[in-house]
Every structure is written in C-alpha cells, then in structure tokens.
Amino acid sequence: MILNPAKSVIDKVGGYAAAARIVGKHVTGIYRWTYPAERGGTGGFVPPADALKLLDHARAAGLSLEPADFLQAPSVVAAEEGAS
C-alpha cells in the first residue's frame, strides 16, 4: 500500500538528493512533498510540474516510474473510506 505517493516516487528516482537534482530544487523542497499540508507540505503528492520532470528523467534513464505512481493507490483510498 502506498500511503505517501511522493515518498515512493522519491525512492524510485534514487532518493531525496537525486529528486532535488532532477527537478532543480533544494532538497528541503523535496522533503516537503512528504509533509502534510498543515506542516507546509504537499500532503504526500509531487507537484505536477515536478512530476513531469521526474517522468521525463525516468524514461530517459530507464527507471520504472509511471504516472500512476504519483497517485494514491485505490486500495488505500477504499480502506480509508471504509474506516470512516
């Protein structure tokens, strides 16, 4: 289950420093992708402009990264809705 799609994407591209290098941002900005909005983060999602850069890099580098990796897994959404 993917509870934080950003963390999964970061891992797939080689970690926080690699993701920062790919998108041209400081590594602290990449960590914010994994923070909840209440803490100044993006709630576990990669911003769309950065997602495109990561996808382009992954294709060029032969990494296994797909658009679906940037979204919360349906099984997690269903489980969260069922728990409410």
N, C-alpha and C. Protein backbone atom coordinates (compact mmCIF):
# COMPACT_ATOMS: atom_id res chain seq x y z
N MET A 1 0.83 -1.19 0.00
CA MET A 1 0.00 0.00 0.00
C MET A 1 0.88 1.25 0.00
N ILE A 2 0.49 2.23 -0.80
CA ILE A 2 1.20 3.49 -0.85
C ILE A 2 0.41 4.51 -0.04
N LEU A 3 0.96 4.89 1.09
CA LEU A 3 0.30 5.89 1.92
C LEU A 3 0.78 7.28 1.56
N ASN A 4 1.96 7.37 0.99
CA ASN A 4 2.56 8.64 0.63
C ASN A 4 3.19 8.47 -0.75
N PRO A 5 2.44 8.76 -1.81
CA PRO A 5 2.97 8.54 -3.15
C PRO A 5 4.29 9.28 -3.40
N ALA A 6 4.46 10.46 -2.82
CA ALA A 6 5.70 11.21 -3.02
C ALA A 6 6.90 10.41 -2.54
N LYS A 7 6.80 9.78 -1.40
CA LYS A 7 7.93 9.00 -0.86
C LYS A 7 8.28 7.84 -1.78
N SER A 8 7.29 7.19 -2.31
CA SER A 8 7.52 6.08 -3.24
C SER A 8 8.23 6.57 -4.50
N VAL A 9 7.80 7.70 -5.03
CA VAL A 9 8.42 8.28 -6.23
C VAL A 9 9.86 8.68 -5.93
N ILE A 10 10.08 9.33 -4.80
CA ILE A 10 11.42 9.75 -4.39
C ILE A 10 12.34 8.54 -4.33
N ASP A 11 11.88 7.46 -3.74
CA ASP A 11 12.69 6.25 -3.65
C ASP A 11 13.02 5.69 -5.04
N LYS A 12 12.05 5.72 -5.94
CA LYS A 12 12.25 5.16 -7.28
C LYS A 12 13.28 5.93 -8.10
N VAL A 13 13.41 7.23 -7.85
CA VAL A 13 14.38 8.01 -8.63
C VAL A 13 15.74 8.10 -7.95
N GLY A 14 15.89 7.47 -6.79
CA GLY A 14 17.20 7.42 -6.15
C GLY A 14 17.35 8.21 -4.88
N GLY A 15 16.26 8.70 -4.33
CA GLY A 15 16.33 9.39 -3.05
C GLY A 15 16.09 10.89 -3.16
N TYR A 16 16.15 11.54 -2.01
CA TYR A 16 15.83 12.96 -1.93
C TYR A 16 16.79 13.83 -2.73
N ALA A 17 18.09 13.57 -2.61
CA ALA A 17 19.08 14.38 -3.33
C ALA A 17 18.93 14.21 -4.84
N ALA A 18 18.69 12.99 -5.28
CA ALA A 18 18.51 12.75 -6.72
C ALA A 18 17.27 13.45 -7.23
N ALA A 19 16.18 13.38 -6.49
CA ALA A 19 14.94 14.05 -6.90
C ALA A 19 15.15 15.56 -6.98
N ALA A 20 15.87 16.11 -6.01
CA ALA A 20 16.15 17.55 -6.00
C ALA A 20 16.96 17.95 -7.22
N ARG A 21 17.95 17.16 -7.54
CA ARG A 21 18.79 17.45 -8.71
C ARG A 21 17.97 17.39 -10.00
N ILE A 22 17.11 16.40 -10.11
CA ILE A 22 16.29 16.22 -11.32
C ILE A 22 15.35 17.39 -11.54
N VAL A 23 14.69 17.84 -10.48
CA VAL A 23 13.69 18.92 -10.64
C VAL A 23 14.28 20.31 -10.46
N GLY A 24 15.55 20.40 -10.05
CA GLY A 24 16.19 21.70 -9.90
C GLY A 24 15.77 22.48 -8.67
N LYS A 25 15.51 21.75 -7.59
CA LYS A 25 15.11 22.39 -6.33
C LYS A 25 16.05 21.95 -5.21
N HIS A 26 16.03 22.72 -4.13
CA HIS A 26 16.79 22.33 -2.94
C HIS A 26 16.14 21.10 -2.32
N VAL A 27 16.95 20.28 -1.71
CA VAL A 27 16.46 19.02 -1.14
C VAL A 27 15.37 19.25 -0.09
N THR A 28 15.39 20.38 0.61
CA THR A 28 14.33 20.62 1.60
C THR A 28 12.96 20.73 0.94
N GLY A 29 12.93 21.24 -0.28
CA GLY A 29 11.66 21.30 -1.01
C GLY A 29 11.13 19.93 -1.34
N ILE A 30 12.02 18.99 -1.55
CA ILE A 30 11.61 17.62 -1.85
C ILE A 30 11.03 16.97 -0.60
N TYR A 31 11.65 17.21 0.55
CA TYR A 31 11.11 16.68 1.80
C TYR A 31 9.69 17.19 2.04
N ARG A 32 9.40 18.41 1.63
CA ARG A 32 8.06 18.98 1.85
C ARG A 32 6.98 18.20 1.12
N TRP A 33 7.36 17.51 0.05
CA TRP A 33 6.37 16.70 -0.66
C TRP A 33 5.79 15.63 0.25
N THR A 34 6.55 15.21 1.24
CA THR A 34 6.10 14.12 2.12
C THR A 34 5.41 14.63 3.39
N TYR A 35 5.37 15.94 3.58
CA TYR A 35 4.75 16.51 4.77
C TYR A 35 3.27 16.79 4.54
N PRO A 36 2.48 16.72 5.61
CA PRO A 36 1.07 17.12 5.48
C PRO A 36 0.96 18.62 5.21
N ALA A 37 -0.14 19.03 4.63
CA ALA A 37 -0.35 20.45 4.31
C ALA A 37 -0.26 21.33 5.56
N GLU A 38 -0.70 20.80 6.70
CA GLU A 38 -0.66 21.57 7.95
C GLU A 38 0.76 21.94 8.35
N ARG A 39 1.74 21.18 7.84
CA ARG A 39 3.15 21.44 8.16
C ARG A 39 3.87 22.10 6.98
N GLY A 40 3.12 22.65 6.05
CA GLY A 40 3.73 23.34 4.91
C GLY A 40 4.11 22.43 3.76
N GLY A 41 3.60 21.21 3.79
CA GLY A 41 3.91 20.27 2.73
C GLY A 41 2.83 20.17 1.68
N THR A 42 2.98 19.17 0.83
CA THR A 42 2.02 18.96 -0.25
C THR A 42 1.09 17.78 0.03
N GLY A 43 1.13 17.28 1.24
CA GLY A 43 0.23 16.19 1.61
C GLY A 43 0.58 14.85 1.02
N GLY A 44 1.85 14.66 0.66
CA GLY A 44 2.28 13.37 0.13
C GLY A 44 2.23 13.27 -1.38
N PHE A 45 2.02 14.40 -2.05
CA PHE A 45 1.93 14.40 -3.51
C PHE A 45 3.02 15.26 -4.13
N VAL A 46 3.52 14.83 -5.27
CA VAL A 46 4.52 15.58 -6.02
C VAL A 46 3.78 16.64 -6.85
N PRO A 47 4.22 17.90 -6.80
CA PRO A 47 3.58 18.93 -7.63
C PRO A 47 3.64 18.54 -9.12
N PRO A 48 2.59 18.85 -9.87
CA PRO A 48 2.51 18.41 -11.27
C PRO A 48 3.72 18.78 -12.14
N ALA A 49 4.22 20.00 -12.03
CA ALA A 49 5.37 20.40 -12.86
C ALA A 49 6.60 19.55 -12.54
N ASP A 50 6.78 19.23 -11.27
CA ASP A 50 7.91 18.39 -10.87
C ASP A 50 7.69 16.94 -11.29
N ALA A 51 6.45 16.50 -11.25
CA ALA A 51 6.14 15.13 -11.68
C ALA A 51 6.52 14.93 -13.14
N LEU A 52 6.25 15.92 -13.97
CA LEU A 52 6.61 15.81 -15.39
C LEU A 52 8.12 15.70 -15.57
N LYS A 53 8.87 16.48 -14.81
CA LYS A 53 10.34 16.41 -14.89
C LYS A 53 10.83 15.03 -14.45
N LEU A 54 10.25 14.51 -13.38
CA LEU A 54 10.66 13.20 -12.89
C LEU A 54 10.31 12.10 -13.90
N LEU A 55 9.14 12.19 -14.50
CA LEU A 55 8.75 11.20 -15.51
C LEU A 55 9.68 11.26 -16.72
N ASP A 56 10.00 12.45 -17.19
CA ASP A 56 10.92 12.60 -18.32
C ASP A 56 12.28 11.99 -17.99
N HIS A 57 12.78 12.29 -16.80
CA HIS A 57 14.07 11.73 -16.38
C HIS A 57 14.00 10.21 -16.30
N ALA A 58 12.95 9.69 -15.71
CA ALA A 58 12.82 8.24 -15.55
C ALA A 58 12.80 7.54 -16.91
N ARG A 59 12.08 8.09 -17.86
CA ARG A 59 12.04 7.49 -19.20
C ARG A 59 13.43 7.48 -19.82
N ALA A 60 14.14 8.60 -19.72
CA ALA A 60 15.48 8.71 -20.31
C ALA A 60 16.48 7.78 -19.62
N ALA A 61 16.30 7.58 -18.32
CA ALA A 61 17.23 6.75 -17.55
C ALA A 61 16.81 5.29 -17.47
N GLY A 62 15.66 4.96 -18.03
CA GLY A 62 15.18 3.58 -17.98
C GLY A 62 14.69 3.15 -16.61
N LEU A 63 14.22 4.10 -15.82
CA LEU A 63 13.69 3.78 -14.49
C LEU A 63 12.23 3.37 -14.58
N SER A 64 11.81 2.53 -13.68
CA SER A 64 10.42 2.09 -13.63
C SER A 64 9.59 3.10 -12.83
N LEU A 65 9.07 4.10 -13.54
CA LEU A 65 8.25 5.13 -12.92
C LEU A 65 7.13 5.46 -13.89
N GLU A 66 5.91 5.37 -13.41
CA GLU A 66 4.72 5.57 -14.25
C GLU A 66 3.86 6.68 -13.66
N PRO A 67 3.00 7.30 -14.46
CA PRO A 67 2.10 8.34 -13.94
C PRO A 67 1.28 7.87 -12.73
N ALA A 68 0.88 6.62 -12.73
CA ALA A 68 0.08 6.09 -11.61
C ALA A 68 0.85 6.11 -10.29
N ASP A 69 2.18 6.11 -10.35
CA ASP A 69 2.99 6.14 -9.13
C ASP A 69 2.82 7.44 -8.35
N PHE A 70 2.31 8.47 -9.02
CA PHE A 70 2.15 9.78 -8.39
C PHE A 70 0.80 9.93 -7.68
N LEU A 71 -0.02 8.91 -7.77
CA LEU A 71 -1.36 8.95 -7.18
C LEU A 71 -1.47 7.98 -6.02
N GLN A 72 -2.39 8.25 -5.13
CA GLN A 72 -2.63 7.34 -4.01
C GLN A 72 -3.29 6.09 -4.56
N ALA A 73 -2.84 4.96 -4.09
CA ALA A 73 -3.37 3.68 -4.55
C ALA A 73 -4.85 3.55 -4.21
N PRO A 74 -5.67 3.06 -5.15
CA PRO A 74 -7.11 2.91 -4.89
C PRO A 74 -7.41 2.05 -3.68
N SER A 75 -6.59 1.04 -3.40
CA SER A 75 -6.85 0.18 -2.25
C SER A 75 -6.73 0.95 -0.95
N VAL A 76 -5.84 1.93 -0.91
CA VAL A 76 -5.68 2.74 0.30
C VAL A 76 -6.88 3.66 0.47
N VAL A 77 -7.33 4.27 -0.63
CA VAL A 77 -8.49 5.16 -0.56
C VAL A 77 -9.70 4.38 -0.08
N ALA A 78 -9.91 3.19 -0.63
CA ALA A 78 -11.05 2.36 -0.23
C ALA A 78 -10.95 1.99 1.25
N ALA A 79 -9.77 1.64 1.70
CA ALA A 79 -9.58 1.26 3.10
C ALA A 79 -9.86 2.45 4.03
N GLU A 80 -9.40 3.64 3.62
CA GLU A 80 -9.63 4.83 4.44
C GLU A 80 -11.11 5.18 4.48
N GLU A 81 -11.81 5.04 3.37
CA GLU A 81 -13.24 5.34 3.35
C GLU A 81 -14.01 4.33 4.18
N GLY A 82 -13.58 3.09 4.17
CA GLY A 82 -14.25 2.05 4.95
C GLY A 82 -14.04 2.22 6.44
N ALA A 83 -12.93 2.85 6.83
CA ALA A 83 -12.62 3.04 8.24
C ALA A 83 -13.40 4.20 8.84
N SER A 84 -13.96 5.05 8.00
CA SER A 84 -14.67 6.24 8.49
C SER A 84 -16.03 5.90 9.03
